[in-house]
Amino acid sequence: MEDLTQLREKLDIIDEAMANLFEQRMEVIENVRIYKKQNNLPILDSNRENSMLEKNSKYIRDPELIPYYEEFLKAVTGVSKEYMKTKK
């Protein structure tokens, strides 16, 4: 078994990767915001959010983790919506 220092180092690597992916996601969100503004579309699209949750939850192999992953995705989309609102 790995010791705590090794486990934390692994978490640091994962967190760095997640930070990079977050920035990439937010760049795309900015483009979505611009598109929606130019086309007079609402920020909230519940149908899209629901289908995204359903589709992405299928990537999780451990069924026990699915509700936690869905909460994670809801938090990410919530942050994205807040970001879009502040950029108007």
PDB file of N, CA and C in Angstrom:
ATOM      1  N   MET A   1       0.843  -1.190   0.000  1.00  0.00           N
ATOM      2  CA  MET A   1       0.000   0.000   0.000  1.00  0.00           C
ATOM      3  C   MET A   1       0.881   1.242   0.000  1.00  0.00           C
ATOM      4  N   GLU A   2       0.411   2.246  -0.722  1.00  0.00           N
ATOM      5  CA  GLU A   2       1.147   3.504  -0.804  1.00  0.00           C
ATOM      6  C   GLU A   2       0.996   4.281   0.501  1.00  0.00           C
ATOM      7  N   ASP A   3       1.981   5.090   0.793  1.00  0.00           N
ATOM      8  CA  ASP A   3       1.844   5.906   1.988  1.00  0.00           C
ATOM      9  C   ASP A   3       1.085   7.190   1.657  1.00  0.00           C
ATOM     10  N   LEU A   4       0.754   7.927   2.671  1.00  0.00           N
ATOM     11  CA  LEU A   4      -0.076   9.127   2.504  1.00  0.00           C
ATOM     12  C   LEU A   4       0.588  10.155   1.598  1.00  0.00           C
ATOM     13  N   THR A   5       1.888  10.310   1.697  1.00  0.00           N
ATOM     14  CA  THR A   5       2.603  11.271   0.848  1.00  0.00           C
ATOM     15  C   THR A   5       2.459  10.910  -0.623  1.00  0.00           C
ATOM     16  N   GLN A   6       2.596   9.638  -0.937  1.00  0.00           N
ATOM     17  CA  GLN A   6       2.446   9.193  -2.320  1.00  0.00           C
ATOM     18  C   GLN A   6       1.023   9.398  -2.828  1.00  0.00           C
ATOM     19  N   LEU A   7       0.067   9.109  -1.990  1.00  0.00           N
ATOM     20  CA  LEU A   7      -1.335   9.303  -2.371  1.00  0.00           C
ATOM     21  C   LEU A   7      -1.633  10.782  -2.612  1.00  0.00           C
ATOM     22  N   ARG A   8      -1.103  11.637  -1.760  1.00  0.00           N
ATOM     23  CA  ARG A   8      -1.316  13.083  -1.932  1.00  0.00           C
ATOM     24  C   ARG A   8      -0.633  13.596  -3.198  1.00  0.00           C
ATOM     25  N   GLU A   9       0.512  13.041  -3.525  1.00  0.00           N
ATOM     26  CA  GLU A   9       1.187  13.420  -4.767  1.00  0.00           C
ATOM     27  C   GLU A   9       0.327  13.049  -5.972  1.00  0.00           C
ATOM     28  N   LYS A  10      -0.295  11.889  -5.924  1.00  0.00           N
ATOM     29  CA  LYS A  10      -1.203  11.485  -6.999  1.00  0.00           C
ATOM     30  C   LYS A  10      -2.383  12.443  -7.103  1.00  0.00           C
ATOM     31  N   LEU A  11      -2.930  12.827  -5.950  1.00  0.00           N
ATOM     32  CA  LEU A  11      -4.040  13.787  -5.952  1.00  0.00           C
ATOM     33  C   LEU A  11      -3.612  15.125  -6.526  1.00  0.00           C
ATOM     34  N   ASP A  12      -2.391  15.561  -6.217  1.00  0.00           N
ATOM     35  CA  ASP A  12      -1.885  16.822  -6.768  1.00  0.00           C
ATOM     36  C   ASP A  12      -1.816  16.777  -8.290  1.00  0.00           C
ATOM     37  N   ILE A  13      -1.390  15.655  -8.836  1.00  0.00           N
ATOM     38  CA  ILE A  13      -1.316  15.502 -10.290  1.00  0.00           C
ATOM     39  C   ILE A  13      -2.716  15.534 -10.901  1.00  0.00           C
ATOM     40  N   ILE A  14      -3.640  14.836 -10.272  1.00  0.00           N
ATOM     41  CA  ILE A  14      -5.027  14.828 -10.752  1.00  0.00           C
ATOM     42  C   ILE A  14      -5.628  16.225 -10.663  1.00  0.00           C
ATOM     43  N   ASP A  15      -5.391  16.920  -9.549  1.00  0.00           N
ATOM     44  CA  ASP A  15      -5.931  18.275  -9.382  1.00  0.00           C
ATOM     45  C   ASP A  15      -5.382  19.235 -10.424  1.00  0.00           C
ATOM     46  N   GLU A  16      -4.108  19.089 -10.764  1.00  0.00           N
ATOM     47  CA  GLU A  16      -3.529  19.945 -11.805  1.00  0.00           C
ATOM     48  C   GLU A  16      -4.195  19.671 -13.152  1.00  0.00           C
ATOM     49  N   ALA A  17      -4.400  18.398 -13.464  1.00  0.00           N
ATOM     50  CA  ALA A  17      -5.071  18.041 -14.718  1.00  0.00           C
ATOM     51  C   ALA A  17      -6.495  18.588 -14.738  1.00  0.00           C
ATOM     52  N   MET A  18      -7.180  18.497 -13.606  1.00  0.00           N
ATOM     53  CA  MET A  18      -8.555  19.008 -13.525  1.00  0.00           C
ATOM     54  C   MET A  18      -8.580  20.530 -13.685  1.00  0.00           C
ATOM     55  N   ALA A  19      -7.593  21.219 -13.143  1.00  0.00           N
ATOM     56  CA  ALA A  19      -7.524  22.678 -13.289  1.00  0.00           C
ATOM     57  C   ALA A  19      -7.336  23.048 -14.758  1.00  0.00           C
ATOM     58  N   ASN A  20      -6.481  22.306 -15.448  1.00  0.00           N
ATOM     59  CA  ASN A  20      -6.277  22.562 -16.876  1.00  0.00           C
ATOM     60  C   ASN A  20      -7.550  22.299 -17.673  1.00  0.00           C
ATOM     61  N   LEU A  21      -8.226  21.213 -17.365  1.00  0.00           N
ATOM     62  CA  LEU A  21      -9.489  20.907 -18.045  1.00  0.00           C
ATOM     63  C   LEU A  21     -10.559  21.942 -17.722  1.00  0.00           C
ATOM     64  N   PHE A  22     -10.565  22.433 -16.487  1.00  0.00           N
ATOM     65  CA  PHE A  22     -11.530  23.467 -16.100  1.00  0.00           C
ATOM     66  C   PHE A  22     -11.315  24.721 -16.948  1.00  0.00           C
ATOM     67  N   GLU A  23     -10.067  25.129 -17.098  1.00  0.00           N
ATOM     68  CA  GLU A  23      -9.798  26.313 -17.914  1.00  0.00           C
ATOM     69  C   GLU A  23     -10.234  26.098 -19.359  1.00  0.00           C
ATOM     70  N   GLN A  24      -9.967  24.924 -19.897  1.00  0.00           N
ATOM     71  CA  GLN A  24     -10.402  24.620 -21.261  1.00  0.00           C
ATOM     72  C   GLN A  24     -11.922  24.672 -21.361  1.00  0.00           C
ATOM     73  N   ARG A  25     -12.586  24.114 -20.364  1.00  0.00           N
ATOM     74  CA  ARG A  25     -14.046  24.104 -20.369  1.00  0.00           C
ATOM     75  C   ARG A  25     -14.601  25.524 -20.318  1.00  0.00           C
ATOM     76  N   MET A  26     -13.988  26.358 -19.490  1.00  0.00           N
ATOM     77  CA  MET A  26     -14.479  27.721 -19.354  1.00  0.00           C
ATOM     78  C   MET A  26     -14.234  28.544 -20.627  1.00  0.00           C
ATOM     79  N   GLU A  27     -13.182  28.231 -21.364  1.00  0.00           N
ATOM     80  CA  GLU A  27     -12.964  28.886 -22.659  1.00  0.00           C
ATOM     81  C   GLU A  27     -14.095  28.539 -23.620  1.00  0.00           C
ATOM     82  N   VAL A  28     -14.493  27.281 -23.626  1.00  0.00           N
ATOM     83  CA  VAL A  28     -15.611  26.871 -24.481  1.00  0.00           C
ATOM     84  C   VAL A  28     -16.904  27.509 -23.986  1.00  0.00           C
ATOM     85  N   ILE A  29     -17.084  27.573 -22.678  1.00  0.00           N
ATOM     86  CA  ILE A  29     -18.276  28.211 -22.102  1.00  0.00           C
ATOM     87  C   ILE A  29     -18.371  29.661 -22.553  1.00  0.00           C
ATOM     88  N   GLU A  30     -17.234  30.347 -22.607  1.00  0.00           N
ATOM     89  CA  GLU A  30     -17.232  31.743 -23.083  1.00  0.00           C
ATOM     90  C   GLU A  30     -17.727  31.809 -24.523  1.00  0.00           C
ATOM     91  N   ASN A  31     -17.321  30.876 -25.344  1.00  0.00           N
ATOM     92  CA  ASN A  31     -17.802  30.855 -26.725  1.00  0.00           C
ATOM     93  C   ASN A  31     -19.288  30.524 -26.800  1.00  0.00           C
ATOM     94  N   VAL A  32     -19.746  29.639 -25.923  1.00  0.00           N
ATOM     95  CA  VAL A  32     -21.184  29.342 -25.843  1.00  0.00           C
ATOM     96  C   VAL A  32     -21.944  30.603 -25.440  1.00  0.00           C
ATOM     97  N   ARG A  33     -21.409  31.326 -24.456  1.00  0.00           N
ATOM     98  CA  ARG A  33     -22.057  32.557 -24.001  1.00  0.00           C
ATOM     99  C   ARG A  33     -22.186  33.558 -25.146  1.00  0.00           C
ATOM    100  N   ILE A  34     -21.120  33.738 -25.899  1.00  0.00           N
ATOM    101  CA  ILE A  34     -21.133  34.671 -27.028  1.00  0.00           C
ATOM    102  C   ILE A  34     -22.163  34.231 -28.061  1.00  0.00           C
ATOM    103  N   TYR A  35     -22.175  32.945 -28.376  1.00  0.00           N
ATOM    104  CA  TYR A  35     -23.130  32.423 -29.348  1.00  0.00           C
ATOM    105  C   TYR A  35     -24.563  32.663 -28.887  1.00  0.00           C
ATOM    106  N   LYS A  36     -24.829  32.329 -27.617  1.00  0.00           N
ATOM    107  CA  LYS A  36     -26.182  32.496 -27.090  1.00  0.00           C
ATOM    108  C   LYS A  36     -26.596  33.970 -27.088  1.00  0.00           C
ATOM    109  N   LYS A  37     -25.673  34.846 -26.764  1.00  0.00           N
ATOM    110  CA  LYS A  37     -25.983  36.276 -26.751  1.00  0.00           C
ATOM    111  C   LYS A  37     -26.299  36.767 -28.162  1.00  0.00           C
ATOM    112  N   GLN A  38     -25.490  36.357 -29.127  1.00  0.00           N
ATOM    113  CA  GLN A  38     -25.694  36.776 -30.515  1.00  0.00           C
ATOM    114  C   GLN A  38     -26.994  36.231 -31.094  1.00  0.00           C
ATOM    115  N   ASN A  39     -27.441  35.107 -30.578  1.00  0.00           N
ATOM    116  CA  ASN A  39     -28.641  34.467 -31.108  1.00  0.00           C
ATOM    117  C   ASN A  39     -29.842  34.565 -30.164  1.00  0.00           C
ATOM    118  N   ASN A  40     -29.720  35.456 -29.177  1.00  0.00           N
ATOM    119  CA  ASN A  40     -30.806  35.700 -28.225  1.00  0.00           C
ATOM    120  C   ASN A  40     -31.343  34.418 -27.593  1.00  0.00           C
ATOM    121  N   LEU A  41     -30.438  33.562 -27.168  1.00  0.00           N
ATOM    122  CA  LEU A  41     -30.818  32.315 -26.520  1.00  0.00           C
ATOM    123  C   LEU A  41     -30.616  32.439 -25.015  1.00  0.00           C
ATOM    124  N   PRO A  42     -31.447  31.781 -24.232  1.00  0.00           N
ATOM    125  CA  PRO A  42     -31.277  31.840 -22.778  1.00  0.00           C
ATOM    126  C   PRO A  42     -30.036  31.069 -22.327  1.00  0.00           C
ATOM    127  N   ILE A  43     -29.478  31.495 -21.212  1.00  0.00           N
ATOM    128  CA  ILE A  43     -28.319  30.804 -20.652  1.00  0.00           C
ATOM    129  C   ILE A  43     -28.706  29.395 -20.230  1.00  0.00           C
ATOM    130  N   LEU A  44     -29.828  29.265 -19.561  1.00  0.00           N
ATOM    131  CA  LEU A  44     -30.268  27.968 -19.046  1.00  0.00           C
ATOM    132  C   LEU A  44     -30.925  27.141 -20.140  1.00  0.00           C
ATOM    133  N   ASP A  45     -30.469  25.919 -20.284  1.00  0.00           N
ATOM    134  CA  ASP A  45     -31.077  24.951 -21.188  1.00  0.00           C
ATOM    135  C   ASP A  45     -31.199  23.639 -20.416  1.00  0.00           C
ATOM    136  N   SER A  46     -32.313  23.485 -19.730  1.00  0.00           N
ATOM    137  CA  SER A  46     -32.517  22.322 -18.860  1.00  0.00           C
ATOM    138  C   SER A  46     -32.436  21.004 -19.613  1.00  0.00           C
ATOM    139  N   ASN A  47     -32.968  20.981 -20.832  1.00  0.00           N
ATOM    140  CA  ASN A  47     -32.904  19.743 -21.618  1.00  0.00           C
ATOM    141  C   ASN A  47     -31.462  19.347 -21.898  1.00  0.00           C
ATOM    142  N   ARG A  48     -30.638  20.323 -22.261  1.00  0.00           N
ATOM    143  CA  ARG A  48     -29.221  20.045 -22.531  1.00  0.00           C
ATOM    144  C   ARG A  48     -28.525  19.552 -21.262  1.00  0.00           C
ATOM    145  N   GLU A  49     -28.802  20.215 -20.144  1.00  0.00           N
ATOM    146  CA  GLU A  49     -28.177  19.809 -18.883  1.00  0.00           C
ATOM    147  C   GLU A  49     -28.565  18.380 -18.514  1.00  0.00           C
ATOM    148  N   ASN A  50     -29.828  18.058 -18.638  1.00  0.00           N
ATOM    149  CA  ASN A  50     -30.293  16.709 -18.292  1.00  0.00           C
ATOM    150  C   ASN A  50     -29.666  15.656 -19.194  1.00  0.00           C
ATOM    151  N   SER A  51     -29.596  15.933 -20.496  1.00  0.00           N
ATOM    152  CA  SER A  51     -29.004  14.949 -21.409  1.00  0.00           C
ATOM    153  C   SER A  51     -27.502  14.821 -21.167  1.00  0.00           C
ATOM    154  N   MET A  52     -26.829  15.927 -20.813  1.00  0.00           N
ATOM    155  CA  MET A  52     -25.406  15.891 -20.508  1.00  0.00           C
ATOM    156  C   MET A  52     -25.142  15.054 -19.262  1.00  0.00           C
ATOM    157  N   LEU A  53     -25.979  15.219 -18.242  1.00  0.00           N
ATOM    158  CA  LEU A  53     -25.837  14.417 -17.021  1.00  0.00           C
ATOM    159  C   LEU A  53     -26.003  12.925 -17.324  1.00  0.00           C
ATOM    160  N   GLU A  54     -27.033  12.618 -18.080  1.00  0.00           N
ATOM    161  CA  GLU A  54     -27.303  11.220 -18.403  1.00  0.00           C
ATOM    162  C   GLU A  54     -26.172  10.617 -19.232  1.00  0.00           C
ATOM    163  N   LYS A  55     -25.735  11.347 -20.256  1.00  0.00           N
ATOM    164  CA  LYS A  55     -24.678  10.848 -21.138  1.00  0.00           C
ATOM    165  C   LYS A  55     -23.364  10.676 -20.386  1.00  0.00           C
ATOM    166  N   ASN A  56     -22.957  11.688 -19.641  1.00  0.00           N
ATOM    167  CA  ASN A  56     -21.661  11.653 -18.973  1.00  0.00           C
ATOM    168  C   ASN A  56     -21.626  10.692 -17.792  1.00  0.00           C
ATOM    169  N   SER A  57     -22.745  10.468 -17.156  1.00  0.00           N
ATOM    170  CA  SER A  57     -22.790   9.517 -16.044  1.00  0.00           C
ATOM    171  C   SER A  57     -22.459   8.101 -16.506  1.00  0.00           C
ATOM    172  N   LYS A  58     -22.696   7.831 -17.782  1.00  0.00           N
ATOM    173  CA  LYS A  58     -22.400   6.504 -18.322  1.00  0.00           C
ATOM    174  C   LYS A  58     -20.895   6.234 -18.384  1.00  0.00           C
ATOM    175  N   TYR A  59     -20.082   7.261 -18.288  1.00  0.00           N
ATOM    176  CA  TYR A  59     -18.625   7.083 -18.301  1.00  0.00           C
ATOM    177  C   TYR A  59     -18.102   6.526 -16.974  1.00  0.00           C
ATOM    178  N   ILE A  60     -18.916   6.614 -15.938  1.00  0.00           N
ATOM    179  CA  ILE A  60     -18.498   6.148 -14.618  1.00  0.00           C
ATOM    180  C   ILE A  60     -18.747   4.648 -14.521  1.00  0.00           C
ATOM    181  N   ARG A  61     -17.678   3.912 -14.251  1.00  0.00           N
ATOM    182  CA  ARG A  61     -17.775   2.443 -14.201  1.00  0.00           C
ATOM    183  C   ARG A  61     -18.341   1.936 -12.881  1.00  0.00           C
ATOM    184  N   ASP A  62     -18.066   2.641 -11.801  1.00  0.00           N
ATOM    185  CA  ASP A  62     -18.511   2.207 -10.475  1.00  0.00           C
ATOM    186  C   ASP A  62     -19.883   2.829 -10.193  1.00  0.00           C
ATOM    187  N   PRO A  63     -20.961   2.030 -10.213  1.00  0.00           N
ATOM    188  CA  PRO A  63     -22.306   2.569 -10.009  1.00  0.00           C
ATOM    189  C   PRO A  63     -22.465   3.361  -8.710  1.00  0.00           C
ATOM    190  N   GLU A  64     -21.691   3.000  -7.704  1.00  0.00           N
ATOM    191  CA  GLU A  64     -21.764   3.700  -6.420  1.00  0.00           C
ATOM    192  C   GLU A  64     -21.326   5.169  -6.545  1.00  0.00           C
ATOM    193  N   LEU A  65     -20.485   5.448  -7.531  1.00  0.00           N
ATOM    194  CA  LEU A  65     -19.963   6.805  -7.705  1.00  0.00           C
ATOM    195  C   LEU A  65     -20.852   7.701  -8.564  1.00  0.00           C
ATOM    196  N   ILE A  66     -21.804   7.115  -9.275  1.00  0.00           N
ATOM    197  CA  ILE A  66     -22.627   7.895 -10.211  1.00  0.00           C
ATOM    198  C   ILE A  66     -23.330   9.081  -9.545  1.00  0.00           C
ATOM    199  N   PRO A  67     -24.009   8.922  -8.408  1.00  0.00           N
ATOM    200  CA  PRO A  67     -24.677  10.097  -7.827  1.00  0.00           C
ATOM    201  C   PRO A  67     -23.688  11.199  -7.429  1.00  0.00           C
ATOM    202  N   TYR A  68     -22.494  10.811  -7.018  1.00  0.00           N
ATOM    203  CA  TYR A  68     -21.482  11.812  -6.652  1.00  0.00           C
ATOM    204  C   TYR A  68     -20.960  12.530  -7.894  1.00  0.00           C
ATOM    205  N   TYR A  69     -20.798  11.780  -8.967  1.00  0.00           N
ATOM    206  CA  TYR A  69     -20.353  12.381 -10.218  1.00  0.00           C
ATOM    207  C   TYR A  69     -21.423  13.329 -10.760  1.00  0.00           C
ATOM    208  N   GLU A  70     -22.679  12.934 -10.633  1.00  0.00           N
ATOM    209  CA  GLU A  70     -23.758  13.817 -11.084  1.00  0.00           C
ATOM    210  C   GLU A  70     -23.767  15.115 -10.278  1.00  0.00           C
ATOM    211  N   GLU A  71     -23.534  15.029  -8.985  1.00  0.00           N
ATOM    212  CA  GLU A  71     -23.437  16.239  -8.157  1.00  0.00           C
ATOM    213  C   GLU A  71     -22.253  17.102  -8.591  1.00  0.00           C
ATOM    214  N   PHE A  72     -21.141  16.456  -8.907  1.00  0.00           N
ATOM    215  CA  PHE A  72     -19.968  17.157  -9.407  1.00  0.00           C
ATOM    216  C   PHE A  72     -20.306  17.903 -10.700  1.00  0.00           C
ATOM    217  N   LEU A  73     -20.975  17.222 -11.633  1.00  0.00           N
ATOM    218  CA  LEU A  73     -21.353  17.853 -12.898  1.00  0.00           C
ATOM    219  C   LEU A  73     -22.331  19.005 -12.683  1.00  0.00           C
ATOM    220  N   LYS A  74     -23.257  18.837 -11.762  1.00  0.00           N
ATOM    221  CA  LYS A  74     -24.198  19.916 -11.463  1.00  0.00           C
ATOM    222  C   LYS A  74     -23.459  21.136 -10.919  1.00  0.00           C
ATOM    223  N   ALA A  75     -22.458  20.895 -10.088  1.00  0.00           N
ATOM    224  CA  ALA A  75     -21.661  22.007  -9.559  1.00  0.00           C
ATOM    225  C   ALA A  75     -20.899  22.692 -10.681  1.00  0.00           C
ATOM    226  N   VAL A  76     -20.331  21.913 -11.585  1.00  0.00           N
ATOM    227  CA  VAL A  76     -19.577  22.484 -12.701  1.00  0.00           C
ATOM    228  C   VAL A  76     -20.497  23.313 -13.600  1.00  0.00           C
ATOM    229  N   THR A  77     -21.677  22.782 -13.907  1.00  0.00           N
ATOM    230  CA  THR A  77     -22.596  23.550 -14.752  1.00  0.00           C
ATOM    231  C   THR A  77     -23.101  24.783 -14.023  1.00  0.00           C
ATOM    232  N   GLY A  78     -23.266  24.693 -12.716  1.00  0.00           N
ATOM    233  CA  GLY A  78     -23.667  25.862 -11.940  1.00  0.00           C
ATOM    234  C   GLY A  78     -22.617  26.962 -12.001  1.00  0.00           C
ATOM    235  N   VAL A  79     -21.366  26.589 -11.866  1.00  0.00           N
ATOM    236  CA  VAL A  79     -20.265  27.557 -11.976  1.00  0.00           C
ATOM    237  C   VAL A  79     -20.245  28.154 -13.381  1.00  0.00           C
ATOM    238  N   SER A  80     -20.451  27.320 -14.375  1.00  0.00           N
ATOM    239  CA  SER A  80     -20.459  27.797 -15.759  1.00  0.00           C
ATOM    240  C   SER A  80     -21.564  28.819 -15.985  1.00  0.00           C
ATOM    241  N   LYS A  81     -22.753  28.535 -15.462  1.00  0.00           N
ATOM    242  CA  LYS A  81     -23.874  29.470 -15.622  1.00  0.00           C
ATOM    243  C   LYS A  81     -23.598  30.789 -14.909  1.00  0.00           C
ATOM    244  N   GLU A  82     -23.036  30.720 -13.721  1.00  0.00           N
ATOM    245  CA  GLU A  82     -22.691  31.937 -12.981  1.00  0.00           C
ATOM    246  C   GLU A  82     -21.668  32.759 -13.751  1.00  0.00           C
ATOM    247  N   TYR A  83     -20.687  32.098 -14.311  1.00  0.00           N
ATOM    248  CA  TYR A  83     -19.665  32.774 -15.109  1.00  0.00           C
ATOM    249  C   TYR A  83     -20.305  33.469 -16.304  1.00  0.00           C
ATOM    250  N   MET A  84     -21.218  32.763 -16.978  1.00  0.00           N
ATOM    251  CA  MET A  84     -21.882  33.343 -18.146  1.00  0.00           C
ATOM    252  C   MET A  84     -22.694  34.587 -17.755  1.00  0.00           C
ATOM    253  N   LYS A  85     -23.338  34.530 -16.612  1.00  0.00           N
ATOM    254  CA  LYS A  85     -24.149  35.664 -16.154  1.00  0.00           C
ATOM    255  C   LYS A  85     -23.288  36.885 -15.872  1.00  0.00           C
ATOM    256  N   THR A  86     -22.099  36.680 -15.328  1.00  0.00           N
ATOM    257  CA  THR A  86     -21.255  37.810 -14.965  1.00  0.00           C
ATOM    258  C   THR A  86     -20.605  38.459 -16.181  1.00  0.00           C
ATOM    259  N   LYS A  87     -20.569  37.764 -17.300  1.00  0.00           N
ATOM    260  CA  LYS A  87     -19.897  38.260 -18.495  1.00  0.00           C
ATOM    261  C   LYS A  87     -20.817  39.046 -19.414  1.00  0.00           C
ATOM    262  N   LYS A  88     -22.074  39.183 -19.059  1.00  0.00           N
ATOM    263  CA  LYS A  88     -23.021  39.883 -19.940  1.00  0.00           C
ATOM    264  C   LYS A  88     -22.503  41.213 -20.225  1.00  0.00           C
TER     265      LYS A  88
END
